[in-house]
Protein backbone atom coordinates (compact mmCIF):
# COMPACT_ATOMS: atom_id res chain seq x y z
CA MET A 1 108.93 193.49 86.95
CA LYS A 2 112.29 192.79 85.37
CA VAL A 3 112.13 190.04 82.75
CA THR A 4 114.93 189.06 80.36
CA THR A 5 113.35 188.54 76.93
CA GLY A 6 114.68 186.57 74.01
CA ASN A 7 115.62 189.60 71.94
CA GLN A 8 118.09 190.60 74.63
CA LEU A 9 120.12 187.40 74.28
CA SER A 10 122.60 185.99 71.79
CA GLY A 11 125.01 183.08 71.88
CA ARG A 12 124.88 180.93 75.01
CA THR A 13 123.90 182.32 78.40
CA GLU A 14 125.07 180.18 81.32
CA LEU A 15 123.44 180.47 84.73
CA GLU A 16 123.67 178.89 88.19
CA ALA A 17 120.81 178.42 90.66
CA ASP A 18 119.67 176.53 93.68
CA VAL A 19 116.45 175.77 91.80
CA CYS A 20 115.57 176.11 88.12
CA ILE A 21 111.81 176.27 87.52
CA VAL A 22 110.52 175.55 84.01
CA GLY A 23 107.21 177.34 83.50
CA SER A 24 105.68 180.43 85.10
CA GLY A 25 102.03 179.44 85.51
CA ALA A 26 100.01 178.31 88.50
CA GLY A 27 102.59 175.79 89.74
CA GLY A 28 105.82 177.59 88.90
CA GLY A 29 104.58 181.00 89.98
CA VAL A 30 103.51 179.96 93.48
CA LEU A 31 106.60 177.78 93.95
CA ALA A 32 108.96 180.62 92.96
CA TRP A 33 107.21 183.03 95.34
CA GLN A 34 107.70 180.70 98.26
CA LEU A 35 111.26 179.57 97.48
CA THR A 36 112.58 183.10 96.98
CA GLN A 37 110.92 184.22 100.21
CA ALA A 38 112.88 181.43 101.91
CA GLY A 39 116.12 182.85 100.50
CA HIS A 40 116.86 180.39 97.70
CA LYS A 41 118.37 181.44 94.37
CA VAL A 42 115.84 180.70 91.64
CA VAL A 43 116.07 180.91 87.85
CA MET A 44 112.82 180.57 85.90
CA LEU A 45 112.54 179.77 82.19
CA GLU A 46 109.27 180.46 80.36
CA ALA A 47 108.59 179.48 76.73
CA GLY A 48 106.03 182.24 76.26
CA SER A 49 106.62 185.94 75.89
CA HIS A 50 106.27 188.69 78.46
CA HIS A 51 103.23 190.96 78.12
CA THR A 52 102.19 193.78 80.42
CA THR A 53 98.76 195.06 81.42
CA GLN A 54 99.18 197.83 78.86
CA ASP A 55 99.71 195.21 76.12
CA PHE A 56 96.26 193.78 76.84
CA ALA A 57 94.50 197.15 76.55
CA PRO A 58 93.33 196.81 72.92
CA LEU A 59 90.99 193.96 74.04
CA ASP A 60 91.43 192.59 70.53
CA GLU A 61 90.90 188.88 70.01
CA ARG A 62 92.92 188.91 66.79
CA LEU A 63 95.99 190.01 68.74
CA ALA A 64 95.45 188.19 72.01
CA TYR A 65 94.86 184.62 70.89
CA PRO A 66 98.03 184.22 68.79
CA ALA A 67 100.13 185.98 71.42
CA LEU A 68 98.85 184.36 74.61
CA TYR A 69 97.82 180.79 73.78
CA GLN A 70 99.63 177.58 72.94
CA GLU A 71 100.01 177.01 69.21
CA ARG A 72 98.44 180.42 68.63
CA MET A 73 95.04 179.17 69.85
CA THR A 74 95.02 176.17 67.47
CA ARG A 75 96.14 173.46 69.93
CA ALA A 76 93.97 170.38 69.57
CA THR A 77 94.04 166.67 70.20
CA LYS A 78 95.64 164.34 67.67
CA ASP A 79 92.35 163.68 65.86
CA ALA A 80 91.37 167.37 66.04
CA ALA A 81 88.20 166.40 67.93
CA ILE A 82 88.96 168.51 71.03
CA SER A 83 90.18 172.11 70.97
CA VAL A 84 92.63 172.64 73.83
CA LEU A 85 92.77 176.17 75.26
CA GLN A 86 96.04 176.63 77.16
CA GLY A 87 98.05 179.74 77.94
CA ARG A 88 101.54 180.48 76.64
CA SER A 89 103.05 183.63 78.15
CA VAL A 90 104.65 184.81 81.37
CA GLY A 91 102.06 183.76 83.92
CA GLY A 92 100.97 180.77 81.84
CA THR A 93 97.28 179.98 81.72
CA THR A 94 96.69 182.18 84.80
CA THR A 95 97.11 185.16 82.47
CA VAL A 96 94.16 184.11 80.30
CA ASN A 97 91.94 181.92 82.49
CA TRP A 98 88.47 182.95 83.62
CA THR A 99 89.55 183.21 87.30
CA THR A 100 87.30 180.46 88.71
CA CYS A 101 88.75 178.98 91.93
CA PHE A 102 87.76 175.85 93.86
CA ARG A 103 89.43 174.01 96.70
CA THR A 104 90.10 170.38 95.78
CA PRO A 105 86.94 168.34 96.50
CA GLU A 106 87.34 166.02 99.46
CA ARG A 107 85.90 163.13 97.47
CA ILE A 108 88.73 163.53 94.96
CA LEU A 109 91.40 163.56 97.68
CA GLU A 110 89.85 160.41 99.14
CA HIS A 111 89.79 158.77 95.71
CA TRP A 112 93.49 159.52 95.22
CA GLN A 113 94.35 158.10 98.61
CA GLN A 114 92.32 154.93 98.14
CA ASN A 115 93.26 154.24 94.52
CA PHE A 116 96.75 155.70 94.13
CA GLY A 117 98.16 155.75 97.65
CA VAL A 118 98.53 159.53 97.51
CA GLU A 119 98.38 161.11 100.97
CA LEU A 120 98.68 164.90 100.82
CA GLY A 121 98.03 165.64 104.48
CA GLU A 122 96.30 168.78 105.73
CA MET A 123 95.65 171.09 102.76
CA LEU A 124 93.74 173.86 104.56
CA PRO A 125 96.80 176.06 105.34
CA HIS A 126 97.80 175.93 101.67
CA TYR A 127 94.31 176.82 100.45
CA GLU A 128 94.15 179.74 102.84
CA ALA A 129 97.61 181.05 101.95
CA VAL A 130 96.93 181.25 98.23
CA GLU A 131 93.41 182.59 98.75
CA GLN A 132 94.80 185.46 100.76
CA ARG A 133 97.61 186.25 98.31
CA LEU A 134 95.42 186.00 95.22
CA GLY A 135 92.26 187.64 96.52
CA VAL A 136 90.05 184.57 96.08
CA ALA A 137 86.50 185.42 97.09
CA GLU A 138 82.94 184.61 96.09
CA TRP A 139 81.56 186.69 93.24
CA PRO A 140 78.09 187.89 94.28
CA VAL A 141 75.18 186.56 92.25
CA GLN A 142 73.72 190.05 92.06
CA ALA A 143 76.79 191.05 90.05
CA ALA A 144 76.41 188.17 87.58
CA ASN A 145 75.76 189.00 83.95
CA ALA A 146 72.69 187.85 82.04
CA ASN A 147 74.65 184.96 80.50
CA ASN A 148 75.36 183.46 83.93
CA LEU A 149 71.89 184.23 85.23
CA THR A 150 70.30 181.92 82.67
CA LEU A 151 72.14 179.03 84.33
CA TRP A 152 71.19 180.29 87.77
CA LYS A 153 67.52 180.73 86.89
CA GLY A 154 67.27 177.43 85.03
CA CYS A 155 68.83 175.44 87.86
CA LYS A 156 66.65 177.15 90.46
CA ALA A 157 63.50 176.47 88.43
CA LEU A 158 64.42 172.78 88.13
CA GLY A 159 65.45 172.41 91.77
CA TRP A 160 69.07 171.68 90.84
CA GLN A 161 72.09 172.59 92.93
CA VAL A 162 73.67 175.89 91.86
CA LYS A 163 75.92 178.35 93.63
CA ALA A 164 78.02 181.46 93.19
CA LEU A 165 81.64 180.82 92.22
CA ARG A 166 84.84 182.21 93.69
CA ARG A 167 87.29 184.23 91.62
CA ASN A 168 90.86 185.46 92.10
CA VAL A 169 90.32 189.16 91.37
CA ARG A 170 90.71 192.52 93.09
CA GLY A 171 88.89 195.57 91.78
CA CYS A 172 87.31 193.65 88.89
CA VAL A 173 85.40 195.90 86.48
CA SER A 174 83.40 193.03 84.90
CA SER A 175 84.71 193.66 81.41
CA GLY A 176 84.27 189.99 80.51
CA TYR A 177 87.57 189.91 78.61
CA CYS A 178 89.54 187.76 81.07
CA GLY A 179 90.56 185.39 78.30
CA LEU A 180 92.49 188.14 76.53
CA GLY A 181 94.64 189.05 79.54
CA CYS A 182 93.28 191.54 82.04
CA ALA A 183 93.76 195.08 80.75
CA PHE A 184 92.61 196.50 84.09
CA GLY A 185 95.13 194.85 86.40
CA ALA A 186 92.35 193.17 88.36
CA LYS A 187 93.01 189.50 87.68
CA GLN A 188 95.30 188.16 90.37
CA GLY A 189 97.16 185.71 88.17
CA MET A 190 100.87 185.01 88.50
CA LEU A 191 101.79 187.91 86.22
CA LEU A 192 100.74 190.50 88.81
CA THR A 193 101.25 188.61 92.06
CA THR A 194 103.71 185.82 92.78
CA LEU A 195 106.08 186.46 89.87
CA PRO A 196 106.75 190.11 90.85
CA ASP A 197 107.12 188.90 94.44
CA ALA A 198 109.74 186.38 93.35
CA VAL A 199 111.60 188.74 91.00
CA ASN A 200 111.72 191.42 93.69
CA ALA A 201 113.24 188.81 96.00
CA GLY A 202 115.99 188.02 93.50
CA MET A 203 114.61 185.49 91.00
CA GLU A 204 115.90 185.73 87.42
CA LEU A 205 113.08 185.26 84.91
CA TYR A 206 113.77 184.49 81.24
CA ALA A 207 110.94 184.64 78.69
CA ASP A 208 110.86 183.27 75.11
CA CYS A 209 112.92 180.31 76.32
CA ARG A 210 111.68 176.85 75.35
CA VAL A 211 113.25 174.09 77.40
CA LEU A 212 114.32 171.21 75.18
CA LYS A 213 115.54 168.78 77.83
CA VAL A 214 117.06 168.32 81.26
CA GLU A 215 119.98 166.06 82.08
CA ARG A 216 122.04 165.02 85.04
CA SER A 217 125.46 166.67 85.24
CA GLY A 218 127.48 165.31 88.15
CA GLU A 219 125.81 166.39 91.39
CA GLN A 220 123.66 168.94 89.57
CA TRP A 221 121.13 169.16 86.78
CA GLU A 222 121.57 171.04 83.53
CA VAL A 223 118.58 172.60 81.78
CA HIS A 224 118.86 173.21 78.03
CA GLY A 225 116.83 176.18 76.83
CA GLN A 226 116.33 177.45 73.29
CA ILE A 227 115.45 181.10 72.65
CA GLN A 228 112.58 181.59 70.23
CA SER A 229 111.46 184.61 68.25
CA LYS A 230 108.48 186.35 69.80
CA LYS A 231 107.14 186.99 66.30
CA ASP A 232 107.04 183.49 64.81
CA LEU A 233 108.49 181.18 67.53
CA SER A 234 111.42 180.19 65.32
CA PRO A 235 114.79 179.52 67.05
CA THR A 236 117.00 182.60 67.10
CA GLY A 237 120.21 180.63 67.67
CA ALA A 238 120.56 181.86 71.23
CA GLU A 239 120.62 179.35 74.09
CA VAL A 240 120.27 179.36 77.86
CA ARG A 241 121.92 176.70 80.03
CA VAL A 242 121.12 176.53 83.72
CA ARG A 243 123.03 174.41 86.21
CA ALA A 244 120.99 173.87 89.36
CA LYS A 245 120.87 171.70 92.46
CA ARG A 246 117.18 171.08 91.83
CA VAL A 247 115.01 171.33 88.73
CA VAL A 248 111.23 171.71 88.83
CA LEU A 249 109.10 171.14 85.74
CA ALA A 250 105.99 173.32 85.84
CA ALA A 251 105.24 173.45 82.13
CA GLY A 252 101.73 172.01 82.34
CA ALA A 253 100.11 168.67 81.63
CA ILE A 254 101.28 168.62 78.01
CA GLY A 255 104.56 170.51 78.34
CA SER A 256 106.08 168.71 81.34
CA PRO A 257 105.57 165.19 79.92
CA GLY A 258 107.05 166.49 76.66
CA ILE A 259 110.22 167.65 78.39
CA LEU A 260 110.63 164.36 80.25
CA LEU A 261 110.15 162.36 77.05
CA ARG A 262 112.70 164.49 75.17
CA SER A 263 115.06 163.96 78.12
CA GLU A 264 114.52 160.18 77.90
CA ILE A 265 113.23 160.11 81.48
CA ASN A 266 110.21 157.84 81.79
CA PRO A 267 109.62 156.27 85.22
CA ASN A 268 107.42 153.19 85.07
CA ASP A 269 106.83 153.93 81.38
CA ALA A 270 104.10 156.23 82.71
CA VAL A 271 105.13 159.67 81.38
CA GLY A 272 102.37 161.12 79.25
CA LYS A 273 99.98 158.31 80.16
CA ARG A 274 96.70 158.95 82.00
CA THR A 275 96.46 162.54 80.84
CA PHE A 276 92.99 163.84 81.63
CA LEU A 277 90.90 166.72 80.38
CA HIS A 278 87.52 168.00 81.37
CA PRO A 279 86.10 167.56 77.83
CA VAL A 280 83.48 170.26 77.36
CA VAL A 281 80.29 170.30 75.32
CA ALA A 282 77.98 173.27 74.94
CA VAL A 283 74.34 174.07 74.23
CA ALA A 284 73.13 177.55 73.29
CA GLY A 285 69.82 179.20 74.06
CA ARG A 286 68.23 182.18 72.31
CA TYR A 287 66.31 184.53 74.57
CA ALA A 288 63.86 187.35 73.88
CA GLN A 289 65.94 189.82 75.88
CA ASP A 290 69.51 190.88 75.17
CA ILE A 291 72.12 188.69 76.85
CA ASN A 292 75.31 190.35 75.53
CA GLY A 293 77.38 187.53 76.96
CA TRP A 294 80.69 189.13 75.98
CA SER A 295 80.31 191.58 78.87
CA GLY A 296 80.52 190.76 82.58
CA ALA A 297 82.45 188.30 84.73
CA PRO A 298 82.73 185.17 82.57
CA GLN A 299 81.99 182.54 85.22
CA ALA A 300 79.90 183.72 88.15
CA VAL A 301 77.76 180.67 88.93
CA GLY A 302 78.03 176.91 88.45
CA SER A 303 76.14 173.71 89.15
CA HIS A 304 77.46 170.37 90.41
CA GLU A 305 74.06 168.70 90.23
CA PHE A 306 75.43 165.98 87.93
CA VAL A 307 79.06 165.77 89.06
CA ASP A 308 78.59 162.38 90.75
CA ARG A 309 76.67 159.91 88.58
CA GLY A 310 77.94 156.74 90.23
CA GLU A 311 79.93 154.64 87.76
CA GLN A 312 78.89 156.86 84.87
CA VAL A 313 80.97 159.89 83.94
CA GLY A 314 79.77 162.96 85.82
CA PHE A 315 79.71 166.51 84.55
CA PHE A 316 79.39 170.00 85.98
CA LEU A 317 77.77 173.07 84.46
CA GLU A 318 79.28 176.51 83.96
CA VAL A 319 79.05 179.41 81.52
CA PRO A 320 81.67 180.77 79.07
CA PRO A 321 82.30 184.34 77.93
CA MET A 322 80.85 185.10 74.50
CA GLN A 323 83.48 187.12 72.62
CA PRO A 324 82.78 186.91 68.87
CA MET A 325 85.97 185.14 67.71
CA LEU A 326 85.85 182.69 70.60
CA VAL A 327 82.22 181.86 69.83
CA ALA A 328 82.71 181.58 66.08
CA SER A 329 85.73 179.32 66.46
CA GLY A 330 83.71 177.02 68.70
CA VAL A 331 80.89 176.46 66.22
CA MET A 332 81.25 173.23 64.22
CA GLY A 333 80.06 174.25 60.81
CA ALA A 334 80.73 176.72 58.02
CA GLY A 335 79.17 179.33 55.82
CA ALA A 336 75.54 180.20 56.40
CA MET A 337 75.27 178.09 59.54
CA VAL A 338 78.01 180.05 61.31
CA ASN A 339 76.66 183.34 59.96
CA ASP A 340 73.18 182.58 61.28
CA PHE A 341 74.61 181.70 64.68
CA MET A 342 76.66 184.90 64.94
CA VAL A 343 73.80 187.15 63.85
CA GLN A 344 71.93 185.97 66.96
CA LEU A 345 74.89 186.53 69.29
CA PRO A 346 73.40 189.39 71.37
CA LYS A 347 70.44 187.17 72.28
CA LEU A 348 72.43 184.00 72.96
CA SER A 349 73.44 182.40 76.22
CA THR A 350 75.64 179.31 76.27
CA HIS A 351 75.92 176.65 78.96
CA LEU A 352 78.93 174.36 79.25
CA ALA A 353 79.07 170.81 80.58
CA LEU A 354 82.53 169.69 81.68
CA MET A 355 83.04 165.91 81.76
CA VAL A 356 84.77 164.55 84.90
CA ASP A 357 87.03 162.01 83.22
CA GLY A 358 89.25 159.61 85.13
CA LEU A 359 87.02 158.42 87.97
CA HIS A 360 84.90 155.80 86.24
CA PRO A 361 86.01 152.15 85.97
CA GLY A 362 88.57 151.56 83.23
CA ALA A 363 89.27 155.27 82.68
CA ALA A 364 92.61 155.76 80.92
CA GLY A 365 92.35 159.32 79.62
CA GLY A 366 94.75 160.29 76.87
CA THR A 367 98.45 160.07 76.09
CA VAL A 368 101.01 162.79 75.46
CA GLU A 369 103.48 161.63 72.82
CA LEU A 370 106.22 163.31 70.80
CA LEU A 371 105.91 164.19 67.14
CA GLY A 372 108.90 163.83 64.83
CA ASN A 373 109.93 167.41 65.55
CA GLY A 374 109.96 166.79 69.30
CA ARG A 375 106.76 168.72 69.96
CA PRO A 376 104.22 167.11 72.30
CA LYS A 377 100.81 166.02 71.04
CA LEU A 378 97.84 164.74 73.00
CA ASP A 379 95.96 161.68 71.79
CA TYR A 380 92.58 161.60 73.56
CA PRO A 381 90.13 158.87 72.54
CA ILE A 382 86.49 159.53 73.41
CA GLY A 383 85.09 156.19 74.49
CA PRO A 384 81.54 155.01 75.21
CA ALA A 385 81.51 156.31 78.80
CA LEU A 386 82.25 159.86 77.66
CA VAL A 387 79.82 159.60 74.77
CA GLU A 388 77.02 158.63 77.18
CA ALA A 389 77.87 161.55 79.46
CA MET A 390 77.96 164.01 76.56
CA ALA A 391 74.48 162.90 75.48
CA ALA A 392 73.15 163.23 79.03
CA ALA A 393 74.77 166.66 79.38
CA HIS A 394 73.15 167.94 76.20
CA LYS A 395 69.73 167.03 77.54
CA ALA A 396 70.44 168.61 80.93
CA MET A 397 71.63 171.88 79.38
CA ALA A 398 68.66 172.02 77.02
CA ARG A 399 66.27 171.57 79.96
CA CYS A 400 68.08 174.28 81.91
CA HIS A 401 67.83 176.80 79.08
CA LEU A 402 64.12 176.09 78.61
CA ALA A 403 63.48 176.42 82.34
CA ALA A 404 65.27 179.79 82.27
CA GLY A 405 62.95 181.05 79.52
CA ALA A 406 64.84 180.41 76.29
CA GLU A 407 62.72 180.72 73.14
CA GLN A 408 64.90 178.24 71.27
CA VAL A 409 67.71 175.87 72.24
CA PHE A 410 70.22 174.44 69.80
CA THR A 411 73.29 172.23 69.89
CA LEU A 412 76.71 172.71 68.31
CA HIS A 413 76.40 169.85 65.84
CA PRO A 414 77.26 170.64 62.18
CA THR A 415 73.50 170.56 61.67
CA PRO A 416 72.23 171.88 65.00
CA VAL A 417 69.45 170.09 66.84
CA SER A 418 66.81 172.75 67.56
CA ILE A 419 64.34 172.56 70.46
CA GLN A 420 61.62 174.95 71.55
CA ASN A 421 59.93 173.06 74.40
CA GLU A 422 60.35 170.03 76.67
CA ASP A 423 58.20 167.87 74.39
CA GLN A 424 60.93 168.14 71.76
CA LEU A 425 63.79 166.95 73.99
CA ASP A 426 63.64 163.49 72.41
CA ARG A 427 65.14 165.04 69.28
CA LEU A 428 68.44 164.91 71.15
CA ASP A 429 68.18 161.12 71.42
CA ALA A 430 68.59 160.77 67.66
CA ALA A 431 71.73 162.90 67.52
CA ALA A 432 75.28 161.51 67.39
CA TYR A 433 77.75 162.27 70.18
CA GLY A 434 81.50 161.98 70.53
CA ALA A 435 84.62 162.75 68.52
CA LEU A 436 84.01 165.01 65.49
CA GLU A 437 80.23 164.76 65.93
CA HIS A 438 79.90 168.19 67.57
CA SER A 439 82.12 170.86 69.10
CA ILE A 440 84.26 169.74 72.04
CA PHE A 441 86.70 171.92 73.96
CA SER A 442 88.85 171.84 77.06
CA ALA A 443 90.70 174.49 79.04
CA HIS A 444 91.68 172.07 81.84
CA GLN A 445 94.64 169.72 81.36
CA MET A 446 95.60 167.30 84.14
CA GLY A 447 97.75 164.20 84.56
CA GLY A 448 100.54 162.78 82.42
CA CYS A 449 103.06 162.86 85.30
CA GLY A 450 100.67 161.37 87.81
CA MET A 451 101.33 161.04 91.52
CA SER A 452 101.42 157.59 93.06
CA GLY A 453 102.37 156.27 96.47
CA GLU A 454 103.53 153.02 94.88
CA ALA A 455 107.13 152.77 93.66
CA LYS A 456 106.16 150.77 90.58
CA SER A 457 103.44 153.08 89.30
CA GLY A 458 103.09 156.76 88.44
CA VAL A 459 105.75 159.33 87.61
CA VAL A 460 106.13 161.32 90.82
CA ASP A 461 105.64 160.56 94.49
CA ALA A 462 103.42 162.55 96.85
CA ASN A 463 106.33 164.97 97.39
CA HIS A 464 106.51 165.74 93.64
CA ARG A 465 109.85 163.95 93.19
CA VAL A 466 110.32 162.21 89.84
CA LYS A 467 110.84 158.57 90.68
CA GLY A 468 114.45 157.43 90.32
CA GLN A 469 115.69 160.98 89.56
CA ASP A 470 117.15 162.68 92.63
CA GLY A 471 116.72 166.43 92.47
CA LEU A 472 114.07 166.47 89.71
CA TYR A 473 110.46 167.46 90.50
CA VAL A 474 107.17 168.18 88.76
CA VAL A 475 104.82 170.81 90.23
CA ASP A 476 101.87 171.52 87.96
CA GLY A 477 98.57 170.02 86.84
CA SER A 478 100.31 167.04 85.29
CA VAL A 479 100.78 165.40 88.72
CA LEU A 480 97.02 165.01 89.31
CA PRO A 481 96.10 161.30 89.19
CA THR A 482 92.65 162.05 87.73
CA SER A 483 90.63 165.04 86.69
CA LEU A 484 89.04 167.06 89.48
CA GLY A 485 85.43 167.84 88.70
CA VAL A 486 86.19 171.51 89.42
CA ASN A 487 88.33 174.14 87.72
CA PRO A 488 91.92 173.13 88.58
CA SER A 489 93.75 176.43 89.13
CA GLN A 490 93.44 176.60 92.93
CA THR A 491 94.36 172.94 93.32
CA ILE A 492 97.59 173.64 91.44
CA TYR A 493 98.26 176.84 93.42
CA SER A 494 97.77 174.96 96.68
CA LEU A 495 99.83 171.92 95.71
CA ALA A 496 102.65 174.26 94.68
CA HIS A 497 102.45 176.04 98.03
CA ARG A 498 102.70 172.67 99.75
CA ALA A 499 105.55 171.53 97.48
CA ALA A 500 107.59 174.64 98.25
CA GLY A 501 107.93 173.62 101.88
CA LEU A 502 108.89 170.07 100.94
CA LEU A 503 111.46 171.22 98.41
CA ALA A 504 112.95 173.89 100.66
CA ALA A 505 113.54 171.24 103.32
CA GLU A 506 115.64 169.26 100.85
CA LEU A 507 117.88 172.14 99.71
């Protein structure tokens, strides 16, 4: 695939396009595939660098995290309470995600329609189109690794709902290293699918190009891009300017609001507001047998037993991969505590509980704002509703581990709460929960440019058009009015597939 990288450019490069797409992840990649197939001239700008399958082959966390993640894997919320895992390379987060795919739950679509006036119409053709292109299929339980099977066995023993998950892979070898970029060419992210399709159909793709702002220029839009060094992300002095009939922001739920704010475009004063994560808490279990959770498909099974808790925040259960650096960085503690945890790694299984924020009464999520240097930052308060859900999730995960046969269960508090049987579960009641009380993560960012059917609310309409800005669109996870309660990648793929038809009709 031909990609123009930052080290190939100097001075100012000026380009013309029918559509300029900012971002090459789940939204931008699918949109570019469809628009180029329809014959439109597309230029894509991506802030991250271009890496090939061969570049991923070392399977080295020390190399992958700085190269492939936002802020070199250190992105976090304003108070540093939540670590935010988000991709930054050609292909975006689809290059490093764990491949889990869900269609958008019907209850979420109904909630959006009833509460935000968002009517998306028939989504089935869009689900099916991306599933076919990206090889989305159920991963058989018999192929699940021991780490995932502890969740499966625990849920089955407790009578909880649990099922095999679907993944966008072809020829997967179950290395378990999806988060480092797939060295085997099996992950069907944008890097190996829709982006080559679009480039082969004539799209020009520029990497290492951070978009500073967009502005109206007569009947067109002008996109201002700054070339950054692949080594240290410093500006090289080179620039890219794109003049286009239409501009689509697909830079993610933190990046797209940041671009709009730098561009002084803020419909309804809503840009960056109502940004939602699936805040994640974890509980580990030590088993007698080897788990070796670093090997095998990272997410093979999941449970939605607790996803709908009425007016309380729901949560769903999944399993993470257990690479050493990823695990160590997720442990809240230092010194001997971390050392003791890592010594047990071969015997450990970890369950995750992902909070479904945004559906409960009064939910406001977080806010993307600009720092003094123009970089976006997410402020994400953890209120009482999330604290209650995190406490409930800890108890559910502890019970699941014990039911699966764990010898010991412990939390990720600075001083872990340790449990060996159900009679000790009340120890969790005395623990503190919430910001900076224990490890919290999120790999799912949603909202900040939310859809709304009302003119006086939200940032974009149901056709992805930025309100009051003819020719400017947002097509990524930032348009979601709430979080989803499932991994968001396929929702974004499918919305982008839908948006391509709407946008093409307007060109």
